[in-house]
Protein backbone atom coordinates (compact mmCIF):
# COMPACT_ATOMS: atom_id res chain seq x y z
CA MET A 1 15.46 -25.15 41.59
CA ARG A 2 15.51 -21.94 39.58
CA THR A 3 14.00 -18.71 40.84
CA THR A 4 14.23 -16.78 37.54
CA PRO A 5 12.00 -17.67 34.64
CA GLU A 6 13.63 -18.83 31.44
CA PRO A 7 13.75 -16.11 28.77
CA GLU A 8 11.23 -16.43 25.98
CA PRO A 9 12.62 -17.18 22.53
CA ARG A 10 13.13 -13.98 20.59
CA ALA A 11 11.54 -13.44 17.19
CA PRO A 12 14.03 -13.71 14.32
CA ARG A 13 15.36 -10.40 13.12
CA PRO A 14 14.43 -9.33 9.61
CA ALA A 15 17.19 -10.07 7.11
CA LEU A 16 19.02 -7.19 5.51
CA VAL A 17 18.33 -6.94 1.78
CA PHE A 18 21.04 -5.40 -0.36
CA ASP A 19 19.13 -5.46 -3.67
CA ASP A 20 18.91 -2.38 -5.83
CA PRO A 21 15.69 -0.64 -4.73
CA LEU A 22 15.21 0.83 -8.23
CA ASP A 23 14.80 -2.66 -9.69
CA GLN A 24 11.66 -3.22 -7.62
CA GLN A 25 8.24 -2.02 -8.65
CA SER A 26 6.69 0.54 -6.31
CA SER A 27 3.01 1.27 -5.82
CA ASP A 28 3.50 4.47 -7.87
CA ASP A 29 4.46 2.38 -10.87
CA THR A 30 0.93 1.01 -11.09
CA ASP A 31 -2.44 2.59 -11.75
CA ARG A 32 -3.43 1.49 -8.25
CA GLY A 33 -0.71 3.65 -6.72
CA TRP A 34 -2.15 6.74 -8.40
CA GLY A 35 -5.65 6.15 -7.03
CA GLU A 36 -7.09 4.52 -10.10
CA ARG A 37 -10.12 2.41 -9.39
CA SER A 38 -10.63 -0.97 -10.99
CA GLU A 39 -14.27 -0.35 -11.92
CA GLY A 40 -14.62 -0.06 -15.66
CA ASP A 41 -18.21 0.87 -16.49
CA SER A 42 -19.22 4.34 -17.65
CA ALA A 43 -21.70 4.85 -14.79
CA ALA A 44 -18.83 4.46 -12.30
CA ASP A 45 -16.72 6.87 -14.30
CA LEU A 46 -19.49 9.48 -14.25
CA LYS A 47 -20.00 9.03 -10.51
CA ARG A 48 -16.23 9.44 -9.92
CA PHE A 49 -16.21 12.56 -12.09
CA LEU A 50 -19.08 14.12 -10.20
CA ASP A 51 -17.61 13.15 -6.84
CA GLU A 52 -14.21 14.64 -7.58
CA LYS A 53 -15.34 17.77 -9.42
CA PRO A 54 -14.13 20.95 -7.67
CA PRO A 55 -16.85 23.26 -6.29
CA HIS A 56 -16.04 26.04 -8.75
CA HIS A 57 -17.05 23.71 -11.64
CA LEU A 58 -20.69 23.42 -10.52
């Protein structure tokens, strides 16, 4: 009879990756990484322009 509980199985450790990080595409390499929106109509463009216009441009 055991008095100590059996240890729970541990989660596998993440594998080390030795690839060249410059070969991978980052989020900055896409329009999405720079905050571009996927909407393509002119009404959405106008709304974005008006929303992001600095106050001194009123």
